[in-house]
Structure formats: structure tokens, C-alpha cells
Amino acid sequence: MFSSSSKFPIIGISASICTIDTGSLLGRERVFIGQDYIKAIIQAGGIPIVLPLIESEDSICRQVDLIDGLMLSGGYDVDPHFYGEEPHHLLEATYRERDLCETVLVRAAAQKKIPILGICRGLQLINVAFGGSLYQDLTCIDKDLLQHRQKTNLHEGAHTVDLEKGTILEKIYNQESIRTNSLHHQSIKKLAEGFKINAKSRDGIIEGIEKMDQSFILGLQWHPELMFDADAQTRTLFRAFIDACQTRVINDK
């Protein structure tokens, strides 16, 4: 394996695409990833590499061969056609090519038992990739909801999330509940087979999932990378992810 000789695990971070909207490069697309993801991986003890969006399945699988862990970043809504629905009028921008690329990424990484951490859209992509579905907008849920697009600083926790006892996530935090930031308008509707819920907000929204086969595949609806510097519990989460990646490296030797 490429990274087996390295002291620190290599973490592939899925990239998004942004379109330049001013100047002489107007309309040109650029690979994009928030610096907070990169900083969190470095400070937790990993080596981040950015995985650009590509179309070839063979090339995507080759990317997976080069990494010890996979982080799925936030961004676009997942195209609802992937879970058999027509677009709701409150659906926001989608990027089908990214959905296709990340679906191959996450399935290939899971097959190789590479630890995966999905953040916000990353949780939703994991759920859809394994057969689940989403509420295309939280207004589709007929109940009073908490504020899931917070107006406070994103490095601060906004609403409470209750952790399910005995889950990987609960063991990492060693708490019954935590406060998380929140920046989403969609959520899980049908949970993918083989997964269990590990966290919910007090209004019943699914805030975290994990694979039931004890591999390290976690999806979180919030943005822990934005809380890394301000919150010690969040730093514990990232270090647990890096530790799982490092353990896989050692076991592969």
C-alpha cells in the first residue's frame, strides 16, 4: 500500500466544484475544498490530500488504493433521482457528476474497510449510496423543528444532539448529549440498510449514522471541522477517525 511506510495516515478529502463568477475567468470551474477540513486533518495527525472530481471508475478506485481514510465534505444537494424521487421545489443546486464520483468513492472505500467520515452532505451521500433516501427540504417534515441553519457563529454549537448509547459516536464523545453547529436544509428520511442511527436532535432529526458491522463509517449532519479549534470534544472525534485510519495501516502491514 502506498502509505504503509508513512507514520501518518493519508486522508483523502472529496472536493467540490465552484464556478468563478467575476473577472476574466468568469464561468470557469475550479476544484474547491474548505481549508477547515484540511486543517482539522493535519492537527489530528493525518496527511490530507484533495480528491478531485473524476469520471473514470477505474481511476476513482485507484484513488482509493492510495488513501488510508476518506472524508466526504459538504456542499451540493444530492440529486433526488438517485433515490427515486423527482425534485422538490425547495431543492437547491445539485451536481450529478459529483454524486456519481462520490458514490463510487464511498462504496470502494467501504469494500476495502477504509474508515470513512461523512460531513453534512457527506452523511447524506453515504445514506443514499447504500440505498437510503432524504427529505429534500426540512419543510417536508410535518412537525415543529429546531433551527437547522443557525444564525450564530459556526464555530459554536447551536442545538443539542442526543447520542445513542453503545454506538461508536457515543464512545468517542463519552457523553449522552452534545451541542453541535447546524447548516443544512435536508435530512435522512429512509435509513440505508446496514446502518444505525447514532445521534438525533431534540426534534427527531437524524444527526448521525454509522455502519453496523463495526467498521469505522460515520456520517454526521453537522460541521465538526468548523468547531475543531473551539471545541475539545470535536478534536477527540477527529483523532478517533485518524486513529482508526492508522490502525488499518498497521493491520495491513
Protein backbone atom coordinates (compact mmCIF):
# COMPACT_ATOMS: atom_id res chain seq x y z
CA MET A 1 0.00 0.00 0.00
CA PHE A 2 1.26 3.45 -0.94
CA SER A 3 1.04 4.94 2.56
CA SER A 4 2.14 1.97 4.66
CA SER A 5 5.65 3.34 5.05
CA SER A 6 4.34 6.66 6.39
CA LYS A 7 3.99 7.41 10.09
CA PHE A 8 0.83 9.38 9.47
CA PRO A 9 -2.25 8.07 7.63
CA ILE A 10 -3.17 9.67 4.32
CA ILE A 11 -6.72 11.03 4.30
CA GLY A 12 -8.45 11.68 1.00
CA ILE A 13 -10.94 14.56 1.15
CA SER A 14 -13.58 14.68 -1.57
CA ALA A 15 -13.60 18.01 -3.37
CA SER A 16 -16.45 20.09 -4.68
CA ILE A 17 -16.63 22.34 -7.74
CA CYS A 18 -17.08 26.09 -7.70
CA THR A 19 -17.66 28.38 -10.67
CA ILE A 20 -15.82 31.70 -10.86
CA ASP A 21 -18.42 34.46 -11.07
CA THR A 22 -16.28 37.55 -11.72
CA GLY A 23 -13.30 38.70 -13.75
CA SER A 24 -11.57 37.34 -16.83
CA LEU A 25 -12.11 33.71 -15.73
CA LEU A 26 -15.87 34.13 -15.45
CA GLY A 27 -17.65 30.80 -15.77
CA ARG A 28 -14.54 28.64 -15.32
CA GLU A 29 -14.83 25.77 -12.87
CA ARG A 30 -12.36 25.20 -10.05
CA VAL A 31 -11.80 22.34 -7.61
CA PHE A 32 -12.83 23.55 -4.17
CA ILE A 33 -12.38 22.35 -0.59
CA GLY A 34 -12.71 24.37 2.61
CA GLN A 35 -9.42 24.94 4.40
CA ASP A 36 -11.05 23.93 7.71
CA TYR A 37 -11.23 20.28 6.57
CA ILE A 38 -7.53 20.30 5.75
CA LYS A 39 -6.51 21.98 8.99
CA ALA A 40 -8.57 19.56 11.10
CA ILE A 41 -6.95 16.51 9.49
CA ILE A 42 -3.43 17.91 9.89
CA GLN A 43 -3.96 18.90 13.53
CA ALA A 44 -5.48 15.49 14.31
CA GLY A 45 -2.38 13.75 12.94
CA GLY A 46 -3.25 12.88 9.36
CA ILE A 47 -1.91 13.88 5.94
CA PRO A 48 -4.71 15.34 3.79
CA ILE A 49 -4.88 15.02 0.04
CA VAL A 50 -7.65 16.50 -2.08
CA LEU A 51 -9.54 14.07 -4.32
CA PRO A 52 -10.79 15.97 -7.38
CA LEU A 53 -13.97 15.01 -9.15
CA ILE A 54 -13.21 12.49 -11.91
CA GLU A 55 -15.46 10.30 -14.05
CA SER A 56 -13.49 7.10 -14.62
CA GLU A 57 -14.49 4.40 -12.09
CA ASP A 58 -11.10 2.73 -12.51
CA SER A 59 -9.34 6.00 -11.68
CA ILE A 60 -11.59 6.62 -8.68
CA CYS A 61 -10.79 3.14 -7.36
CA ARG A 62 -7.11 3.88 -7.88
CA GLN A 63 -7.54 6.99 -5.74
CA VAL A 64 -8.96 4.76 -3.02
CA ASP A 65 -5.90 2.49 -3.27
CA LEU A 66 -3.73 5.46 -2.28
CA ILE A 67 -5.53 6.51 0.90
CA ASP A 68 -5.92 5.22 4.46
CA GLY A 69 -9.07 7.18 5.24
CA LEU A 70 -11.82 9.02 3.36
CA MET A 71 -13.58 12.22 4.37
CA LEU A 72 -16.65 13.26 2.40
CA SER A 73 -17.06 17.04 2.54
CA GLY A 74 -20.19 19.18 2.45
CA GLY A 75 -21.70 21.04 -0.48
CA TYR A 76 -24.39 20.49 -3.10
CA ASP A 77 -27.67 18.69 -2.51
CA VAL A 78 -27.68 15.08 -3.68
CA ASP A 79 -29.67 14.62 -6.90
CA PRO A 80 -33.01 13.06 -5.77
CA HIS A 81 -33.13 10.85 -8.86
CA PHE A 82 -30.51 8.72 -7.10
CA TYR A 83 -33.16 7.73 -4.54
CA GLY A 84 -36.10 7.58 -6.92
CA GLU A 85 -37.72 10.99 -6.43
CA GLU A 86 -38.49 13.99 -8.59
CA PRO A 87 -37.01 17.34 -7.49
CA HIS A 88 -38.94 19.21 -4.81
CA HIS A 89 -39.46 22.93 -5.43
CA LEU A 90 -37.16 23.75 -2.49
CA LEU A 91 -34.33 21.50 -3.69
CA GLU A 92 -31.13 23.53 -4.02
CA ALA A 93 -28.27 23.18 -6.51
CA THR A 94 -27.12 19.66 -7.36
CA TYR A 95 -24.06 18.36 -9.21
CA ARG A 96 -24.77 14.91 -10.64
CA GLU A 97 -21.17 14.21 -11.63
CA ARG A 98 -20.06 14.75 -8.04
CA ASP A 99 -22.78 12.39 -6.78
CA LEU A 100 -21.61 9.69 -9.19
CA CYS A 101 -17.95 10.13 -8.29
CA GLU A 102 -18.51 10.09 -4.53
CA THR A 103 -20.83 7.09 -4.72
CA VAL A 104 -18.02 5.09 -6.32
CA LEU A 105 -15.55 6.51 -3.78
CA VAL A 106 -17.58 5.56 -0.72
CA ARG A 107 -18.51 2.09 -1.96
CA ALA A 108 -14.92 1.29 -2.93
CA ALA A 109 -13.59 2.57 0.40
CA ALA A 110 -16.19 0.56 2.33
CA GLN A 111 -15.29 -2.58 0.41
CA LYS A 112 -11.65 -2.13 1.43
CA LYS A 113 -12.69 -1.35 5.03
CA ILE A 114 -11.14 2.10 4.82
CA PRO A 115 -12.50 4.37 7.59
CA ILE A 116 -14.96 6.98 6.31
CA LEU A 117 -16.14 10.21 7.90
CA GLY A 118 -19.01 11.93 6.09
CA ILE A 119 -19.80 15.54 6.98
CA CYS A 120 -23.21 17.15 6.31
CA ARG A 121 -23.71 16.34 2.60
CA GLY A 122 -21.24 13.51 3.27
CA LEU A 123 -23.71 11.86 5.66
CA GLN A 124 -26.48 12.24 3.09
CA LEU A 125 -24.31 10.84 0.29
CA ILE A 126 -23.37 7.80 2.39
CA ASN A 127 -27.02 7.14 3.16
CA VAL A 128 -28.09 7.43 -0.49
CA ALA A 129 -25.10 5.40 -1.77
CA PHE A 130 -26.22 2.46 0.36
CA GLY A 131 -29.91 2.65 -0.56
CA GLY A 132 -31.41 5.29 1.75
CA SER A 133 -33.35 8.45 0.91
CA LEU A 134 -33.60 12.08 2.03
CA TYR A 135 -36.14 14.72 2.88
CA GLN A 136 -35.38 17.18 0.09
CA ASP A 137 -36.20 20.05 2.44
CA LEU A 138 -36.96 20.07 6.15
CA THR A 139 -40.33 21.71 5.41
CA CYS A 140 -41.39 18.30 4.06
CA ILE A 141 -41.49 17.11 7.68
CA ASP A 142 -44.86 17.91 9.24
CA LYS A 143 -43.73 18.99 12.71
CA ASP A 144 -42.18 21.90 14.54
CA LEU A 145 -38.42 21.88 14.01
CA LEU A 146 -35.41 23.47 15.62
CA GLN A 147 -33.23 25.94 13.75
CA HIS A 148 -31.04 23.80 11.48
CA ARG A 149 -29.45 26.73 9.63
CA GLN A 150 -28.06 28.58 12.58
CA LYS A 151 -27.53 32.31 12.62
CA THR A 152 -24.82 32.21 15.30
CA ASN A 153 -21.11 31.73 14.57
CA LEU A 154 -20.47 28.34 13.00
CA HIS A 155 -17.61 27.51 15.34
CA GLU A 156 -20.17 27.46 18.17
CA GLY A 157 -22.67 24.72 18.96
CA ALA A 158 -26.29 25.76 18.39
CA HIS A 159 -28.72 22.94 19.15
CA THR A 160 -28.40 19.81 21.27
CA VAL A 161 -27.80 16.36 19.78
CA ASP A 162 -28.52 13.25 21.86
CA LEU A 163 -26.14 10.32 21.29
CA GLU A 164 -27.33 6.73 21.15
CA LYS A 165 -25.84 4.58 23.89
CA GLY A 166 -23.35 1.92 22.80
CA THR A 167 -22.58 3.47 19.41
CA ILE A 168 -19.11 4.34 18.14
CA LEU A 169 -20.02 8.01 18.28
CA GLU A 170 -21.18 7.83 21.90
CA LYS A 171 -17.97 6.07 22.87
CA ILE A 172 -15.89 8.76 21.16
CA TYR A 173 -17.62 11.65 22.89
CA ASN A 174 -18.29 9.77 26.15
CA GLN A 175 -21.36 11.97 26.61
CA GLU A 176 -25.12 11.45 26.47
CA SER A 177 -25.58 14.69 24.53
CA ILE A 178 -23.51 17.39 22.83
CA ARG A 179 -24.12 20.78 21.22
CA THR A 180 -23.41 20.97 17.52
CA ASN A 181 -23.42 23.61 14.83
CA SER A 182 -26.01 23.23 12.10
CA LEU A 183 -26.06 24.28 8.43
CA HIS A 184 -28.44 22.06 6.46
CA HIS A 185 -31.91 22.08 4.94
CA GLN A 186 -32.18 18.34 4.18
CA SER A 187 -32.08 15.23 6.37
CA ILE A 188 -32.32 11.47 6.23
CA LYS A 189 -35.78 10.05 5.52
CA LYS A 190 -35.22 6.33 4.92
CA LEU A 191 -32.11 4.99 6.65
CA ALA A 192 -29.85 2.84 4.48
CA GLU A 193 -29.82 -0.88 5.23
CA GLY A 194 -26.88 -1.95 7.39
CA PHE A 195 -26.70 1.40 9.23
CA LYS A 196 -27.98 2.57 12.58
CA ILE A 197 -28.75 5.99 13.99
CA ASN A 198 -26.17 7.23 16.48
CA ALA A 199 -27.41 10.79 17.04
CA LYS A 200 -30.65 12.80 16.89
CA SER A 201 -31.56 16.39 17.59
CA ARG A 202 -34.36 17.06 20.09
CA ASP A 203 -36.89 17.49 17.26
CA GLY A 204 -36.20 13.96 15.98
CA ILE A 205 -33.98 14.84 13.01
CA ILE A 206 -31.30 12.20 12.35
CA GLU A 207 -27.96 13.87 13.04
CA GLY A 208 -25.60 10.90 12.81
CA ILE A 209 -25.36 7.37 11.43
CA GLU A 210 -22.81 4.58 11.48
CA LYS A 211 -22.38 1.21 9.82
CA MET A 212 -23.46 -1.70 11.99
CA ASP A 213 -20.61 -4.05 11.05
CA GLN A 214 -18.26 -2.24 13.46
CA SER A 215 -16.16 -0.73 10.69
CA PHE A 216 -15.48 2.99 11.12
CA ILE A 217 -18.03 4.51 8.77
CA LEU A 218 -19.61 7.55 10.38
CA GLY A 219 -21.86 10.23 8.95
CA LEU A 220 -22.52 13.49 10.81
CA GLN A 221 -25.11 16.07 9.82
CA TRP A 222 -23.18 18.94 11.39
CA HIS A 223 -19.80 20.52 10.51
CA PRO A 224 -17.22 19.44 13.11
CA GLU A 225 -14.33 20.83 11.04
CA LEU A 226 -15.63 24.33 11.80
CA MET A 227 -15.64 23.59 15.55
CA PHE A 228 -12.20 21.97 15.73
CA ASP A 229 -10.29 24.89 17.25
CA ALA A 230 -13.02 25.90 19.70
CA ASP A 231 -14.24 22.53 20.99
CA ALA A 232 -12.14 19.84 22.69
CA GLN A 233 -14.77 17.13 22.09
CA THR A 234 -14.61 17.79 18.36
CA ARG A 235 -10.84 17.35 18.43
CA THR A 236 -11.43 13.96 20.08
CA LEU A 237 -13.72 12.99 17.18
CA PHE A 238 -11.10 13.76 14.55
CA ARG A 239 -8.38 11.99 16.48
CA ALA A 240 -10.57 8.90 16.76
CA PHE A 241 -11.00 8.96 12.98
CA ILE A 242 -7.26 9.31 12.44
CA ASP A 243 -6.58 6.52 14.97
CA ALA A 244 -8.94 4.22 13.06
CA CYS A 245 -7.08 5.02 9.84
CA GLN A 246 -3.71 4.42 11.49
CA THR A 247 -4.92 1.08 12.89
CA ARG A 248 -5.88 -0.03 9.40
CA VAL A 249 -2.41 0.93 8.13
CA ILE A 250 -0.77 -1.15 10.86
CA ASN A 251 -3.07 -4.13 10.24
CA ASP A 252 -2.30 -4.02 6.51
CA LYS A 253 1.44 -4.37 7.04
